[in-house]
Protein backbone atom coordinates (compact mmCIF):
# COMPACT_ATOMS: atom_id res chain seq x y z
CA MET A 1 88.87 102.60 72.41
CA LEU A 2 89.06 99.22 74.07
CA PHE A 3 89.41 96.17 71.83
CA LEU A 4 88.51 93.00 73.71
CA GLU A 5 88.40 89.34 72.75
CA ASP A 6 88.31 85.96 74.43
CA ASP A 7 89.19 82.40 73.48
CA PHE A 8 87.28 79.13 73.31
CA GLU A 9 88.28 78.15 76.85
CA SER A 10 86.11 80.94 78.19
CA HIS A 11 82.36 80.89 78.65
CA PRO A 12 79.83 83.72 79.12
CA ALA A 13 80.12 83.82 82.92
CA THR A 14 83.91 84.09 82.75
CA PHE A 15 83.73 86.80 80.11
CA ALA A 16 81.19 88.74 82.20
CA ARG A 17 83.38 88.51 85.30
CA ASP A 18 86.54 89.50 83.40
CA LEU A 19 84.80 92.46 81.74
CA ALA A 20 83.41 93.69 85.07
CA SER A 21 86.85 93.41 86.64
CA LEU A 22 88.51 95.27 83.79
CA LEU A 23 85.93 98.06 83.88
CA GLN A 24 86.57 98.63 87.60
CA THR A 25 90.15 99.76 87.00
CA PRO A 26 90.91 103.50 87.11
CA GLU A 27 91.87 103.39 83.42
CA ALA A 28 88.32 102.40 82.47
CA ALA A 29 87.27 106.03 82.87
CA GLY A 30 89.17 106.77 79.65
CA ILE A 31 87.29 104.23 77.53
CA ARG A 32 85.39 105.97 74.71
CA GLY A 33 84.06 102.85 73.00
CA LEU A 34 84.28 99.06 73.08
CA VAL A 35 84.93 96.67 70.19
CA ILE A 36 84.45 92.99 71.02
CA GLY A 37 85.95 90.28 68.82
CA ARG A 38 83.87 87.44 67.49
CA PHE A 39 83.53 84.55 69.94
CA GLN A 40 84.35 81.01 68.96
CA GLU A 41 81.34 78.71 68.84
CA ALA A 42 82.71 76.63 71.73
CA SER A 43 82.31 79.63 74.05
CA ARG A 44 78.51 79.35 73.80
CA MET A 45 78.17 83.15 73.72
CA THR A 46 74.97 84.39 72.09
CA ARG A 47 74.09 87.89 70.92
CA GLU A 48 71.37 88.12 73.56
CA LEU A 49 73.66 87.01 76.37
CA LEU A 50 76.40 89.39 75.28
CA ALA A 51 73.89 92.26 75.18
CA LEU A 52 72.87 91.46 78.78
CA ILE A 53 76.50 91.31 79.92
CA VAL A 54 77.30 94.69 78.33
CA ALA A 55 74.09 96.29 79.63
CA LYS A 56 75.06 95.46 83.22
CA GLN A 57 78.18 97.65 83.00
CA PRO A 58 77.48 101.26 84.04
CA VAL A 59 80.82 102.43 82.58
CA LEU A 60 79.56 101.51 79.10
CA VAL A 61 76.28 103.45 79.26
CA GLY A 62 76.18 105.90 76.35
CA LEU A 63 79.35 104.52 74.74
CA PRO A 64 79.40 102.83 71.33
CA VAL A 65 79.80 99.05 71.64
CA LEU A 66 80.50 97.02 68.52
CA ALA A 67 80.60 93.23 68.77
CA ASN A 68 81.33 90.29 66.49
CA ALA A 69 84.39 91.96 64.95
CA ASP A 70 86.82 89.71 63.05
CA PHE A 71 89.86 89.74 65.31
CA GLY A 72 91.26 87.60 68.07
CA HIS A 73 90.97 83.82 68.16
CA THR A 74 88.75 83.45 65.08
CA SER A 75 89.34 83.42 61.33
CA PRO A 76 89.95 85.64 59.56
CA ILE A 77 92.53 86.91 62.02
CA PHE A 78 93.16 90.66 62.00
CA THR A 79 95.60 92.52 64.22
CA PHE A 80 94.83 96.04 65.44
CA PRO A 81 97.72 98.44 66.08
CA ILE A 82 98.17 99.33 69.75
CA GLY A 83 98.24 103.05 70.42
CA GLY A 84 96.58 104.10 67.19
CA GLU A 85 93.35 105.97 66.71
CA ALA A 86 90.00 104.56 65.70
CA GLU A 87 86.42 105.65 65.17
CA VAL A 88 83.43 103.45 65.84
CA SER A 89 79.79 104.12 65.05
CA VAL A 90 76.85 101.94 65.93
CA GLY A 91 73.25 102.01 64.86
CA ASP A 92 71.46 101.03 61.66
CA SER A 93 74.85 100.92 59.97
CA SER A 94 77.77 100.09 62.28
CA ALA A 95 81.37 100.73 61.31
CA LEU A 96 84.90 100.65 62.66
CA ARG A 97 87.61 102.73 61.06
CA ILE A 98 91.30 102.83 61.97
CA THR A 99 92.24 106.49 61.44
CA ARG A 100 95.90 106.42 62.53
CA HIS A 101 98.41 103.79 63.57
């Protein structure tokens, strides 16, 4: 599971470029889902724009992608344990569950 967030200094084009670059690494083949932290308002990211950015990434096709999660540079701030295990489900009712840390 990849947890990804950005700060207010970024903007959608930068996030799109950084995501594309990250997903071109050999390790990206092991990604089983993506959780994106909530963007700060100054980033100007919209739901529609984020959906377009994610849809352009072939590595993410068929994987669960959850966005607008409360972690990173927004309040409330939540820290995820590195190296733990998590489950994510998306659809009519989306959920993220930390199963082991």
